[in-house]
Every structure is written in structure tokens, then in C-alpha cells.
Protein backbone atom coordinates (compact mmCIF):
# COMPACT_ATOMS: atom_id res chain seq x y z
CA MET A 1 -3.93 -162.63 -78.97
CA SER A 2 -5.03 -159.00 -78.74
CA GLN A 3 -6.00 -159.58 -75.10
CA ALA A 4 -2.48 -160.80 -74.32
CA ARG A 5 -0.98 -157.78 -76.06
CA ASN A 6 -3.24 -155.41 -74.17
CA SER A 7 -2.31 -157.09 -70.91
CA THR A 8 1.42 -156.81 -71.72
CA ALA A 9 1.03 -153.15 -72.72
CA ARG A 10 -0.77 -152.37 -69.47
CA SER A 11 1.90 -154.15 -67.46
CA LEU A 12 4.68 -152.22 -69.23
CA ALA A 13 2.80 -148.95 -68.70
CA ALA A 14 2.40 -149.74 -64.99
CA HIS A 15 6.15 -150.47 -64.73
CA ALA A 16 7.00 -147.20 -66.51
CA VAL A 17 4.73 -145.19 -64.25
CA LEU A 18 6.24 -146.85 -61.17
CA ILE A 19 9.80 -146.11 -62.35
CA LEU A 20 8.88 -142.47 -63.04
CA TYR A 21 7.19 -142.18 -59.65
CA THR A 22 10.25 -143.69 -57.95
CA ALA A 23 12.58 -141.23 -59.69
CA ILE A 24 10.42 -138.26 -58.66
CA ALA A 25 10.07 -139.57 -55.10
CA LEU A 26 13.81 -140.20 -54.69
CA PHE A 27 14.90 -136.76 -55.91
CA PRO A 28 14.24 -135.05 -52.52
CA VAL A 29 16.09 -137.93 -50.83
CA PHE A 30 19.05 -137.28 -53.13
CA VAL A 31 19.04 -133.57 -52.24
CA VAL A 32 18.90 -134.29 -48.49
CA VAL A 33 21.70 -136.88 -48.56
CA VAL A 34 23.98 -134.78 -50.80
CA ASN A 35 23.61 -131.67 -48.65
CA SER A 36 24.26 -133.61 -45.46
CA PHE A 37 27.90 -133.97 -46.57
CA LYS A 38 28.43 -130.26 -47.26
CA ASN A 39 29.24 -127.29 -45.08
CA ARG A 40 26.58 -124.73 -44.23
CA ARG A 41 27.70 -122.15 -46.80
CA ALA A 42 27.66 -124.71 -49.64
CA ILE A 43 24.19 -125.89 -48.68
CA PHE A 44 22.68 -122.47 -49.29
CA ALA A 45 25.00 -121.47 -52.15
CA ASP A 46 24.24 -124.46 -54.41
CA PRO A 47 21.90 -127.07 -52.84
CA LEU A 48 21.82 -129.29 -55.95
CA ALA A 49 25.59 -129.59 -56.33
CA VAL A 50 27.44 -132.68 -55.14
CA PRO A 51 30.10 -132.23 -52.45
CA THR A 52 33.59 -131.29 -53.58
CA ALA A 53 36.92 -131.22 -51.76
CA ASP A 54 36.20 -127.65 -50.70
CA THR A 55 32.58 -128.16 -49.62
CA PHE A 56 32.77 -131.66 -48.09
CA ASP A 57 32.14 -131.58 -44.33
CA LEU A 58 30.99 -134.18 -41.76
CA ILE A 59 30.14 -131.66 -39.06
CA GLY A 60 26.45 -132.59 -39.25
CA TYR A 61 27.07 -136.27 -38.53
CA ARG A 62 29.49 -135.45 -35.71
CA THR A 63 26.88 -133.17 -34.14
CA VAL A 64 24.15 -135.81 -34.42
CA LEU A 65 26.29 -138.47 -32.76
CA ALA A 66 27.47 -136.09 -30.03
CA GLN A 67 24.12 -134.53 -29.05
CA GLY A 68 21.22 -136.65 -27.85
CA ASP A 69 20.97 -140.42 -27.96
CA PHE A 70 20.55 -140.94 -31.69
CA PHE A 71 20.89 -144.73 -31.52
CA LEU A 72 18.12 -144.92 -28.92
CA TYR A 73 15.84 -142.82 -31.13
CA PHE A 74 16.69 -145.07 -34.05
CA GLN A 75 15.94 -148.18 -32.00
CA ASN A 76 12.59 -146.77 -30.83
CA SER A 77 11.53 -145.97 -34.40
CA LEU A 78 12.57 -149.43 -35.57
CA ILE A 79 10.65 -151.19 -32.78
CA VAL A 80 7.50 -149.13 -33.33
CA THR A 81 7.57 -149.52 -37.12
CA VAL A 82 8.28 -153.26 -37.19
CA ALA A 83 5.75 -154.07 -34.45
CA SER A 84 3.06 -151.91 -36.06
CA LEU A 85 3.65 -153.48 -39.48
CA PHE A 86 3.42 -156.96 -38.00
CA PHE A 87 0.07 -156.30 -36.33
CA VAL A 88 -1.34 -154.38 -39.31
CA LEU A 89 -0.50 -157.20 -41.72
CA LEU A 90 -1.64 -159.95 -39.34
CA PHE A 91 -4.96 -158.47 -38.22
CA GLY A 92 -5.61 -156.83 -41.59
CA ALA A 93 -5.10 -160.12 -43.44
CA MET A 94 -7.28 -162.02 -40.95
CA ALA A 95 -10.12 -159.48 -41.24
CA ALA A 96 -9.80 -159.42 -45.03
CA PHE A 97 -9.92 -163.23 -45.18
CA ALA A 98 -13.07 -163.32 -43.04
CA LEU A 99 -14.80 -160.67 -45.16
CA SER A 100 -13.86 -162.28 -48.48
CA GLU A 101 -14.39 -165.91 -47.51
CA TYR A 102 -17.45 -166.00 -45.29
CA ARG A 103 -20.83 -164.66 -46.33
CA PHE A 104 -22.98 -163.41 -43.47
CA ARG A 105 -25.58 -160.73 -42.84
CA GLY A 106 -23.85 -157.40 -42.50
CA ASN A 107 -20.74 -158.48 -44.43
CA THR A 108 -20.78 -155.40 -46.65
CA LEU A 109 -21.53 -153.04 -43.76
CA THR A 110 -18.70 -154.54 -41.71
CA GLY A 111 -16.28 -154.07 -44.58
CA LEU A 112 -17.49 -150.49 -45.01
CA TYR A 113 -17.05 -149.83 -41.30
CA LEU A 114 -13.51 -151.20 -41.32
CA ALA A 115 -12.65 -149.02 -44.34
CA LEU A 116 -13.95 -145.80 -42.78
CA GLY A 117 -10.51 -145.05 -41.40
CA ILE A 118 -9.27 -144.35 -44.93
CA MET A 119 -11.67 -141.41 -45.21
CA ILE A 120 -11.54 -140.19 -41.59
CA PRO A 121 -8.03 -139.17 -40.42
CA ILE A 122 -7.08 -140.67 -37.08
CA ARG A 123 -5.61 -137.32 -36.02
CA LEU A 124 -9.14 -136.00 -35.57
CA GLY A 125 -9.38 -138.20 -32.49
CA THR A 126 -6.09 -137.06 -30.97
CA VAL A 127 -7.66 -135.65 -27.78
CA ALA A 128 -9.72 -138.81 -27.16
CA ILE A 129 -6.70 -141.01 -27.92
CA LEU A 130 -4.55 -139.04 -25.46
CA GLN A 131 -7.23 -139.35 -22.78
CA MET A 132 -7.42 -143.12 -23.30
CA MET A 133 -3.65 -143.48 -23.10
CA VAL A 134 -3.52 -141.41 -19.90
CA ALA A 135 -6.31 -143.51 -18.35
CA SER A 136 -4.48 -146.70 -19.39
CA GLY A 137 -1.12 -145.51 -18.12
CA LEU A 138 0.47 -145.86 -21.57
CA VAL A 139 1.70 -142.29 -22.04
CA ASN A 140 5.45 -142.17 -22.80
CA THR A 141 5.53 -145.81 -23.86
CA LEU A 142 6.21 -147.36 -27.25
CA THR A 143 3.10 -149.49 -26.75
CA ALA A 144 0.92 -146.40 -27.17
CA LEU A 145 2.50 -145.65 -30.53
CA VAL A 146 2.19 -149.25 -31.71
CA LEU A 147 -1.52 -149.32 -30.82
CA VAL A 148 -2.23 -146.04 -32.60
CA TYR A 149 -0.28 -146.93 -35.74
CA THR A 150 -1.90 -150.36 -35.89
CA ALA A 151 -5.33 -148.76 -35.77
CA GLN A 152 -4.20 -146.22 -38.37
CA GLY A 153 -2.96 -148.85 -40.84
CA LEU A 154 -5.73 -151.44 -40.53
CA PRO A 155 -8.38 -149.76 -42.75
CA LEU A 156 -6.09 -149.60 -45.80
CA ALA A 157 -4.82 -153.13 -45.16
CA VAL A 158 -8.34 -154.58 -44.98
CA PHE A 159 -9.45 -152.66 -48.06
CA ILE A 160 -6.55 -153.81 -50.26
CA LEU A 161 -6.14 -157.37 -48.99
CA SER A 162 -9.84 -158.23 -49.15
CA GLU A 163 -9.87 -157.43 -52.88
CA PHE A 164 -6.87 -159.66 -53.53
CA MET A 165 -8.19 -162.49 -51.35
CA ARG A 166 -11.41 -162.61 -53.34
CA GLY A 167 -9.26 -163.60 -56.30
CA VAL A 168 -7.80 -166.67 -54.56
CA SER A 169 -9.23 -169.85 -56.06
CA ASP A 170 -12.13 -171.36 -54.09
CA ASP A 171 -11.18 -174.79 -55.45
CA LEU A 172 -7.79 -174.56 -53.74
CA LYS A 173 -9.33 -173.69 -50.38
CA ASN A 174 -12.05 -176.34 -50.69
CA ALA A 175 -9.41 -178.94 -51.58
CA GLY A 176 -7.60 -178.04 -48.37
CA ARG A 177 -10.80 -178.45 -46.37
CA ILE A 178 -11.41 -181.86 -47.96
CA ASP A 179 -7.88 -182.86 -46.94
CA GLY A 180 -8.75 -181.96 -43.35
CA LEU A 181 -6.91 -178.67 -43.05
CA SER A 182 -8.21 -176.23 -40.47
CA GLU A 183 -9.25 -172.69 -41.42
CA TYR A 184 -6.11 -171.34 -39.75
CA THR A 185 -3.91 -173.68 -41.80
CA ILE A 186 -5.71 -172.70 -45.00
CA PHE A 187 -5.24 -169.04 -44.14
CA PHE A 188 -1.55 -169.22 -43.22
CA ARG A 189 -0.32 -171.90 -45.66
CA LEU A 190 -2.54 -171.47 -48.71
CA VAL A 191 -3.94 -167.96 -48.83
CA LEU A 192 -1.15 -165.76 -47.40
CA PRO A 193 1.58 -167.01 -49.79
CA LEU A 194 -0.69 -166.18 -52.74
CA VAL A 195 -1.28 -162.59 -51.61
CA ARG A 196 2.32 -161.73 -50.76
CA PRO A 197 2.48 -158.97 -53.41
CA ALA A 198 -0.55 -157.30 -51.83
CA MET A 199 0.98 -157.72 -48.37
CA ALA A 200 4.19 -156.04 -49.56
CA THR A 201 2.17 -153.18 -51.07
CA VAL A 202 0.35 -152.64 -47.78
CA ALA A 203 3.64 -152.86 -45.85
CA VAL A 204 5.33 -150.16 -47.95
CA PHE A 205 2.41 -147.74 -47.87
CA THR A 206 1.97 -148.29 -44.12
CA MET A 207 5.64 -148.21 -43.16
CA ILE A 208 6.58 -144.77 -44.51
CA PRO A 209 3.91 -142.71 -42.64
CA ILE A 210 4.76 -144.53 -39.40
CA TRP A 211 8.50 -143.97 -39.68
CA ASN A 212 8.15 -140.30 -40.66
CA ASP A 213 5.37 -139.37 -38.23
CA LEU A 214 5.99 -136.54 -35.80
CA TRP A 215 2.47 -135.90 -34.51
CA PHE A 216 1.81 -138.90 -32.27
CA PRO A 217 5.37 -139.28 -30.90
CA LEU A 218 5.22 -135.61 -29.89
CA ILE A 219 1.88 -136.07 -28.11
CA LEU A 220 2.00 -139.63 -26.77
CA ALA A 221 5.71 -140.35 -26.24
CA PRO A 222 7.78 -137.15 -25.96
CA SER A 223 10.09 -138.36 -23.19
CA GLU A 224 13.79 -138.85 -23.87
CA ALA A 225 13.52 -142.63 -23.45
CA THR A 226 10.71 -143.02 -26.02
CA LYS A 227 11.59 -140.43 -28.66
CA THR A 228 11.54 -141.61 -32.26
CA ILE A 229 14.12 -140.57 -34.83
CA THR A 230 11.82 -137.96 -36.37
CA LEU A 231 11.08 -136.37 -33.01
CA GLY A 232 14.71 -136.61 -31.93
CA SER A 233 15.79 -134.67 -35.03
CA GLN A 234 13.74 -131.69 -33.87
CA VAL A 235 16.33 -130.94 -31.19
CA PHE A 236 18.43 -129.30 -33.89
CA ILE A 237 15.59 -127.00 -34.97
CA GLY A 238 15.32 -123.90 -32.79
CA GLN A 239 13.00 -120.90 -32.80
CA PHE A 240 15.68 -118.56 -34.11
CA VAL A 241 18.57 -120.80 -35.22
CA THR A 242 18.49 -124.14 -37.02
CA ASN A 243 21.52 -126.41 -37.34
CA TRP A 244 20.86 -127.49 -40.94
CA ASN A 245 23.96 -129.68 -41.11
CA ALA A 246 22.73 -131.74 -38.16
CA VAL A 247 19.13 -131.81 -39.39
CA LEU A 248 20.13 -133.07 -42.85
CA ALA A 249 22.53 -135.62 -41.34
CA ALA A 250 19.85 -136.95 -38.99
CA LEU A 251 17.34 -137.19 -41.83
CA SER A 252 19.87 -138.98 -44.05
CA LEU A 253 20.51 -141.59 -41.36
CA ALA A 254 16.76 -141.94 -40.81
CA ILE A 255 16.19 -142.59 -44.50
CA LEU A 256 18.45 -145.65 -44.61
CA PRO A 257 16.11 -148.18 -42.91
CA VAL A 258 13.19 -147.07 -45.08
CA LEU A 259 15.25 -147.57 -48.22
CA VAL A 260 16.39 -151.01 -47.05
CA LEU A 261 12.82 -152.11 -46.29
CA TYR A 262 11.66 -150.65 -49.60
CA LEU A 263 14.30 -152.66 -51.48
CA ILE A 264 13.25 -155.81 -49.61
CA PHE A 265 9.60 -155.34 -50.57
CA SER A 266 10.18 -153.74 -54.00
CA ARG A 267 9.75 -156.86 -56.13
CA GLN A 268 6.54 -157.87 -54.37
CA LEU A 269 5.39 -154.24 -54.44
CA ILE A 270 5.75 -154.07 -58.23
CA ARG A 271 3.89 -157.35 -58.58
CA GLY A 272 1.08 -156.10 -56.36
CA ILE A 273 0.70 -152.81 -58.23
CA THR A 274 0.88 -154.38 -61.69
CA ALA A 275 -1.53 -157.16 -60.67
CA GLY A 276 -4.06 -154.52 -59.68
CA ALA A 277 -3.44 -152.65 -62.93
CA VAL A 278 -4.07 -155.55 -65.28
CA LYS A 279 -7.10 -157.07 -63.55
């Protein structure tokens, strides 16, 4: 009885912490969106105030839609993010399944090697990555960004998913093997549905850095045809003058897809975080 109470208390505490974290994380988003609908003077006079009849102004959104190809930047970011997430979840789940299911010599070392990317930032290899992309003819292509972001997200995916996959019942998998199911069928039909909360957690924590990244788009794909939304927003930031209305409007529009994807994954994300908290 006391164990059940402790488990419930931990789950409630995890939910409370997540709600508090969400509120703190969304406050800057609120400030950006609110100020995107105000004129320049109101932005600097009272940045926390909501727009009024006197301060309401859509000049930022008109500027964003008039200058540059915002919809192309948006499309590029969406393609890169969705493709990278797909490969990170697919390859990360497959590697995690192999590490958790099959025992072989070097299993621990392989898992450690795959997790090294969490401790070593991929930006340290920027020069080598750029040289590889130039040699491969992939500079100024979305493929280059997808490859880099997939490599960037795999270590965290393998680390998280392997822990959750170890908790999947061996009896369930052995029953599938007795029924004649292949290892691929067991992986896709039995194991993946049971680790959906962990998959959603990995997706959320992988998606946001990819969507907001400026470093690799600036180095690997700076051309007009391959600019992402974050890089495209920099056109409004000058050395001496910055069009804050346009910058805030562009950032507000860029936030929308992230919020939509977050809402899609939110229920599974909460389950994944609370499951890890009460284990």
C-alpha cells in the first residue's frame, strides 16, 4: 500500500515539475509573440504589455512576407526537421533494440561508443564535416543538414531507448518467436508500440535543437534555395540597424510548427518522463 502511495506521489511530483517547467519555458515564447503584434516604440517602452488599440501593428508580418521567400525557408526547415526525426527514431530504435536484446562481446563498449556523442558536441567537428560535404558535393543541399542532424540526434536516442527497451517483457518477445514472427516483425509490431512514450520524448528533445539551429545551416546550406527559417530570419538583423518587428514576427511564425508538434507528442512525452521518474 505504501509502495503504491509513494509511486503516486512521485508521479504527481513529476507532473508538477513538468507543468512548472512548461510555464517557465513558454514565458519567452509569450513575450516574443506578444511583441510581434506591437509597433517598435511599444516594444521598447513596455515589452511585457499586451497589444492595445494604440500599439497594435502588423508591420512586422507584412515585412516578413514581402522580403525574402519566407514560405521556402519554412518548407526547408520542415523537410529537414521531419526527415531528421524519422531517421533518428528509426536508426536509434534499431540500435537500441540490438543493444538491449542481443548479448555479444563488446555490447557495453558499443553502447558506450554510440553514447559518446552526448558528451562530445558535434560542432567540434565542423571543419571536418564541411570538408566531407564539399568532397561529397552536398554543400548547399538539405541532404547535408539531414545527415548532420541525424548523427547529432542518434546518441541521445540510443541512450534513452535502450533503457526503455530493456524493460520490455522477454516473455512477449519469445512468444512472438515461437509463433514464427521474424525479428523485424517483433521489433516493429511488438516492441515499438510499447516504447512510444520514450520515442515521443526523444522526438521532442531532438526536434527543438534542429528547428532552432543556426550554426549548420549557415555553414553547410547558406544559399537562398536551402535557407532554413532560423537562417532566413537573420536577414532582418543588420550590423547597425535591426528590424525588431520583422525579427519577432518571423520568430513567432517559426514557433508555430514546434508548438504543434509538441502538442502532438505531449501526452506521450509526459508518460515517458513520468515512467522514467517512477522506475
